């Protein structure tokens, strides 16, 4: 294989890798997509699990936490809500769930 052919191959592979990374960041920004109503599978009464310091949400308490705390797909970093949920459900919190319990993988 000649040097020019080798350089073209390296450039093509590098281009594919860069496009794959950019596509993945765009699709998975903010983490993997959530299932439909992921909290409602385990939690039937959201008022019970709200922190004591949480502002009163009135009738909206019948809705999922994600109705107010929806993840922003444009953000690459986790929100405070997401961090707290993962800490409580995944990282040594009250229960340990697999990712697929909440996320559509």
N, C-alpha and C. Protein backbone atom coordinates (compact mmCIF):
# COMPACT_ATOMS: atom_id res chain seq x y z
N UNK A 1 0.86 -1.18 0.00
CA UNK A 1 0.00 0.00 0.00
C UNK A 1 0.90 1.24 0.00
N UNK A 2 0.62 2.19 -0.89
CA UNK A 2 1.44 3.39 -0.98
C UNK A 2 1.09 4.35 0.14
N UNK A 3 1.95 5.32 0.34
CA UNK A 3 1.76 6.30 1.41
C UNK A 3 0.50 7.13 1.17
N UNK A 4 0.21 7.52 -0.06
CA UNK A 4 -0.98 8.32 -0.37
C UNK A 4 -2.25 7.53 -0.07
N UNK A 5 -2.26 6.25 -0.43
CA UNK A 5 -3.41 5.40 -0.16
C UNK A 5 -3.62 5.27 1.35
N UNK A 6 -2.52 5.09 2.07
CA UNK A 6 -2.57 4.98 3.52
C UNK A 6 -3.13 6.27 4.15
N UNK A 7 -2.70 7.41 3.69
CA UNK A 7 -3.18 8.69 4.20
C UNK A 7 -4.67 8.88 3.93
N UNK A 8 -5.13 8.49 2.74
CA UNK A 8 -6.55 8.58 2.40
C UNK A 8 -7.38 7.68 3.31
N UNK A 9 -6.87 6.48 3.57
CA UNK A 9 -7.58 5.54 4.43
C UNK A 9 -7.68 6.09 5.85
N UNK A 10 -6.60 6.63 6.37
CA UNK A 10 -6.61 7.22 7.72
C UNK A 10 -7.57 8.40 7.77
N UNK A 11 -7.59 9.23 6.75
CA UNK A 11 -8.49 10.39 6.70
C UNK A 11 -9.94 9.92 6.65
N UNK A 12 -10.23 8.90 5.86
CA UNK A 12 -11.62 8.40 5.76
C UNK A 12 -12.08 7.80 7.07
N UNK A 13 -11.25 6.99 7.71
CA UNK A 13 -11.60 6.38 8.99
C UNK A 13 -11.78 7.45 10.06
N UNK A 14 -10.90 8.43 10.08
CA UNK A 14 -11.02 9.54 11.04
C UNK A 14 -12.33 10.30 10.83
N UNK A 15 -12.68 10.53 9.58
CA UNK A 15 -13.94 11.22 9.28
C UNK A 15 -15.15 10.45 9.77
N UNK A 16 -15.14 9.15 9.57
CA UNK A 16 -16.24 8.30 10.03
C UNK A 16 -16.33 8.34 11.56
N UNK A 17 -15.22 8.26 12.23
CA UNK A 17 -15.20 8.31 13.70
C UNK A 17 -15.75 9.64 14.19
N UNK A 18 -15.31 10.73 13.59
CA UNK A 18 -15.79 12.06 14.01
C UNK A 18 -17.29 12.19 13.79
N UNK A 19 -17.78 11.75 12.64
CA UNK A 19 -19.22 11.81 12.36
C UNK A 19 -20.01 10.95 13.34
N UNK A 20 -19.49 9.80 13.69
CA UNK A 20 -20.16 8.92 14.65
C UNK A 20 -20.24 9.57 16.02
N UNK A 21 -19.16 10.18 16.46
CA UNK A 21 -19.14 10.86 17.76
C UNK A 21 -20.13 12.02 17.78
N UNK A 22 -20.13 12.84 16.75
CA UNK A 22 -21.05 13.98 16.68
C UNK A 22 -22.50 13.50 16.66
N UNK A 23 -22.78 12.47 15.88
CA UNK A 23 -24.15 11.92 15.82
C UNK A 23 -24.56 11.38 17.19
N UNK A 24 -23.69 10.64 17.84
CA UNK A 24 -24.00 10.07 19.16
C UNK A 24 -24.25 11.17 20.19
N UNK A 25 -23.46 12.21 20.17
CA UNK A 25 -23.64 13.31 21.11
C UNK A 25 -24.98 14.00 20.86
N UNK A 26 -25.36 14.13 19.62
CA UNK A 26 -26.63 14.77 19.28
C UNK A 26 -27.81 13.92 19.73
N UNK A 27 -27.75 12.64 19.47
CA UNK A 27 -28.86 11.75 19.79
C UNK A 27 -28.97 11.52 21.29
N UNK A 28 -27.86 11.32 21.96
CA UNK A 28 -27.88 10.94 23.37
C UNK A 28 -27.54 12.07 24.33
N UNK A 29 -27.57 13.31 23.88
CA UNK A 29 -27.31 14.43 24.79
C UNK A 29 -28.34 14.39 25.90
N UNK A 30 -27.88 14.50 27.14
CA UNK A 30 -28.78 14.43 28.27
C UNK A 30 -29.07 13.01 28.71
N UNK A 31 -28.46 12.02 28.12
CA UNK A 31 -28.64 10.63 28.51
C UNK A 31 -29.58 9.89 27.59
N UNK A 32 -29.69 8.58 27.82
CA UNK A 32 -30.58 7.79 26.98
C UNK A 32 -32.03 8.22 27.16
N UNK A 33 -32.87 8.04 26.15
CA UNK A 33 -34.26 8.48 26.27
C UNK A 33 -35.01 7.72 27.37
N UNK A 34 -35.96 8.41 27.98
CA UNK A 34 -36.75 7.80 29.05
C UNK A 34 -37.95 7.06 28.48
N UNK A 35 -38.40 6.07 29.23
CA UNK A 35 -39.64 5.38 28.87
C UNK A 35 -40.82 6.31 29.12
N UNK A 36 -41.97 5.96 28.61
CA UNK A 36 -43.20 6.71 28.85
C UNK A 36 -43.57 6.57 30.33
N UNK A 37 -43.72 7.68 31.04
CA UNK A 37 -44.08 7.71 32.47
C UNK A 37 -43.23 6.74 33.31
N UNK A 38 -41.91 6.92 33.33
CA UNK A 38 -41.05 5.97 34.03
C UNK A 38 -41.26 5.95 35.55
N UNK A 39 -41.65 7.06 36.14
CA UNK A 39 -41.83 7.11 37.59
C UNK A 39 -43.11 6.39 38.03
N UNK A 40 -44.15 6.47 37.20
CA UNK A 40 -45.46 5.93 37.55
C UNK A 40 -45.49 4.43 37.70
N UNK A 41 -44.51 3.73 37.17
CA UNK A 41 -44.49 2.28 37.30
C UNK A 41 -44.33 1.87 38.77
N UNK A 42 -43.51 2.57 39.50
CA UNK A 42 -43.26 2.25 40.91
C UNK A 42 -43.99 3.20 41.86
N UNK A 43 -44.15 4.45 41.46
CA UNK A 43 -44.71 5.48 42.34
C UNK A 43 -46.12 5.85 41.89
N UNK A 44 -47.09 5.60 42.76
CA UNK A 44 -48.49 5.92 42.43
C UNK A 44 -48.91 7.29 43.00
N UNK A 45 -48.32 7.69 44.12
CA UNK A 45 -48.64 8.96 44.76
C UNK A 45 -47.36 9.79 44.87
N UNK A 46 -47.24 10.77 44.00
CA UNK A 46 -46.00 11.55 43.96
C UNK A 46 -45.81 12.44 45.18
N UNK A 47 -46.89 12.83 45.85
CA UNK A 47 -46.75 13.67 47.04
C UNK A 47 -45.95 12.96 48.12
N UNK A 48 -46.06 11.65 48.18
CA UNK A 48 -45.35 10.86 49.19
C UNK A 48 -43.84 10.95 49.00
N UNK A 49 -43.38 11.01 47.78
CA UNK A 49 -41.94 10.99 47.52
C UNK A 49 -41.32 12.38 47.35
N UNK A 50 -42.15 13.42 47.32
CA UNK A 50 -41.60 14.77 47.18
C UNK A 50 -40.86 15.18 48.45
N UNK A 51 -39.74 15.85 48.30
CA UNK A 51 -39.02 16.35 49.48
C UNK A 51 -39.90 17.33 50.26
N UNK A 52 -39.71 17.38 51.56
CA UNK A 52 -40.50 18.29 52.41
C UNK A 52 -40.35 19.75 51.97
N UNK A 53 -39.21 20.08 51.40
CA UNK A 53 -38.94 21.46 50.98
C UNK A 53 -39.47 21.78 49.60
N UNK A 54 -40.09 20.80 48.93
CA UNK A 54 -40.60 21.01 47.56
C UNK A 54 -41.77 21.98 47.60
N UNK A 55 -41.81 22.95 46.70
CA UNK A 55 -42.95 23.87 46.64
C UNK A 55 -44.25 23.10 46.39
N UNK A 56 -45.35 23.61 46.93
CA UNK A 56 -46.65 22.98 46.72
C UNK A 56 -47.00 23.04 45.23
N UNK A 57 -47.38 21.90 44.69
CA UNK A 57 -47.73 21.85 43.27
C UNK A 57 -49.22 21.63 43.06
N UNK A 58 -49.97 21.54 44.14
CA UNK A 58 -51.43 21.40 44.04
C UNK A 58 -51.83 20.17 43.25
N UNK A 59 -52.76 20.35 42.33
CA UNK A 59 -53.29 19.25 41.53
C UNK A 59 -52.24 18.66 40.59
N UNK A 60 -51.19 19.41 40.32
CA UNK A 60 -50.13 18.90 39.43
C UNK A 60 -49.40 17.72 40.05
N UNK A 61 -49.57 17.50 41.35
CA UNK A 61 -48.92 16.36 42.01
C UNK A 61 -49.42 15.04 41.45
N UNK A 62 -50.55 15.05 40.76
CA UNK A 62 -51.06 13.83 40.13
C UNK A 62 -50.24 13.47 38.89
N UNK A 63 -49.46 14.42 38.39
CA UNK A 63 -48.63 14.19 37.21
C UNK A 63 -47.26 13.68 37.63
N UNK A 64 -46.56 13.12 36.68
CA UNK A 64 -45.21 12.65 36.91
C UNK A 64 -44.28 13.82 37.25
N UNK A 65 -43.24 13.52 38.00
CA UNK A 65 -42.22 14.54 38.30
C UNK A 65 -41.64 15.13 37.02
N UNK A 66 -41.59 14.29 35.98
CA UNK A 66 -41.00 14.73 34.72
C UNK A 66 -41.85 15.73 33.97
N UNK A 67 -43.10 15.93 34.41
CA UNK A 67 -43.91 16.96 33.76
C UNK A 67 -43.33 18.35 34.05
N UNK A 68 -42.65 18.50 35.17
CA UNK A 68 -41.97 19.77 35.49
C UNK A 68 -40.45 19.66 35.33
N UNK A 69 -39.92 18.50 35.62
CA UNK A 69 -38.47 18.29 35.62
C UNK A 69 -38.02 17.51 34.39
N UNK A 70 -38.56 17.83 33.24
CA UNK A 70 -38.19 17.12 32.01
C UNK A 70 -36.74 17.40 31.66
N UNK A 71 -36.02 16.37 31.22
CA UNK A 71 -34.63 16.58 30.81
C UNK A 71 -34.56 17.43 29.55
N UNK A 72 -33.52 18.21 29.45
CA UNK A 72 -33.30 19.05 28.27
C UNK A 72 -32.34 18.32 27.35
N UNK A 73 -32.82 17.80 26.22
CA UNK A 73 -31.94 17.04 25.33
C UNK A 73 -30.78 17.85 24.77
N UNK A 74 -30.86 19.16 24.83
CA UNK A 74 -29.78 19.99 24.30
C UNK A 74 -28.60 20.08 25.26
N UNK A 75 -28.83 19.71 26.52
CA UNK A 75 -27.75 19.78 27.52
C UNK A 75 -27.02 18.45 27.59
N UNK A 76 -25.71 18.51 27.62
CA UNK A 76 -24.91 17.30 27.72
C UNK A 76 -24.74 16.87 29.17
N UNK A 77 -24.85 17.81 30.10
CA UNK A 77 -24.64 17.48 31.50
C UNK A 77 -25.98 17.19 32.19
N UNK A 78 -25.90 16.45 33.27
CA UNK A 78 -27.11 16.08 34.02
C UNK A 78 -27.65 17.28 34.80
N UNK A 79 -28.98 17.33 34.93
CA UNK A 79 -29.60 18.37 35.74
C UNK A 79 -29.52 17.96 37.22
N UNK A 80 -29.83 18.90 38.12
CA UNK A 80 -29.84 18.57 39.55
C UNK A 80 -30.87 17.48 39.84
N UNK A 81 -32.03 17.56 39.17
CA UNK A 81 -33.07 16.56 39.37
C UNK A 81 -32.58 15.18 38.92
N UNK A 82 -31.98 15.10 37.76
CA UNK A 82 -31.46 13.84 37.24
C UNK A 82 -30.41 13.25 38.18
N UNK A 83 -29.53 14.09 38.68
CA UNK A 83 -28.49 13.64 39.60
C UNK A 83 -29.12 13.07 40.87
N UNK A 84 -30.13 13.76 41.41
CA UNK A 84 -30.80 13.29 42.63
C UNK A 84 -31.53 11.97 42.39
N UNK A 85 -32.19 11.84 41.23
CA UNK A 85 -32.92 10.61 40.91
C UNK A 85 -31.94 9.44 40.78
N UNK A 86 -30.84 9.65 40.09
CA UNK A 86 -29.85 8.57 39.94
C UNK A 86 -29.24 8.21 41.29
N UNK A 87 -29.01 9.19 42.13
CA UNK A 87 -28.44 8.91 43.45
C UNK A 87 -29.40 8.07 44.28
N UNK A 88 -30.70 8.35 44.20
CA UNK A 88 -31.70 7.62 44.99
C UNK A 88 -32.02 6.24 44.42
N UNK A 89 -31.91 6.08 43.11
CA UNK A 89 -32.36 4.85 42.48
C UNK A 89 -31.25 3.95 41.94
N UNK A 90 -30.07 4.46 41.83
CA UNK A 90 -29.02 3.70 41.15
C UNK A 90 -27.74 3.60 41.97
N UNK A 91 -27.33 4.67 42.56
CA UNK A 91 -25.99 4.75 43.16
C UNK A 91 -26.03 4.63 44.68
N UNK A 92 -26.51 3.49 45.18
CA UNK A 92 -26.50 3.25 46.61
C UNK A 92 -27.60 3.94 47.38
N UNK A 93 -28.66 4.33 46.71
CA UNK A 93 -29.78 4.99 47.38
C UNK A 93 -30.71 3.98 48.02
N UNK A 94 -31.99 4.32 48.09
CA UNK A 94 -32.98 3.46 48.73
C UNK A 94 -33.17 2.14 47.99
N UNK A 95 -32.97 2.15 46.70
CA UNK A 95 -33.11 0.95 45.88
C UNK A 95 -32.08 0.99 44.77
N UNK A 96 -31.82 -0.14 44.18
CA UNK A 96 -30.89 -0.18 43.05
C UNK A 96 -31.63 -0.75 41.85
N UNK A 97 -31.80 0.09 40.85
CA UNK A 97 -32.50 -0.30 39.63
C UNK A 97 -31.53 -0.40 38.47
N UNK A 98 -31.86 -1.24 37.52
CA UNK A 98 -31.11 -1.28 36.28
C UNK A 98 -31.52 -0.08 35.44
N UNK A 99 -30.66 0.37 34.55
CA UNK A 99 -30.94 1.52 33.70
C UNK A 99 -32.25 1.34 32.91
N UNK A 100 -32.48 0.10 32.45
CA UNK A 100 -33.65 -0.18 31.61
C UNK A 100 -34.96 -0.06 32.37
N UNK A 101 -34.93 0.06 33.69
CA UNK A 101 -36.16 0.25 34.45
C UNK A 101 -36.80 1.59 34.10
N UNK A 102 -36.00 2.60 33.80
CA UNK A 102 -36.51 3.94 33.49
C UNK A 102 -36.21 4.37 32.06
N UNK A 103 -35.12 3.89 31.51
CA UNK A 103 -34.67 4.34 30.19
C UNK A 103 -35.04 3.34 29.11
N UNK A 104 -35.43 3.87 27.96
CA UNK A 104 -35.70 3.03 26.78
C UNK A 104 -34.37 2.80 26.08
N UNK A 105 -33.79 1.66 26.33
CA UNK A 105 -32.48 1.35 25.76
C UNK A 105 -32.60 0.44 24.56
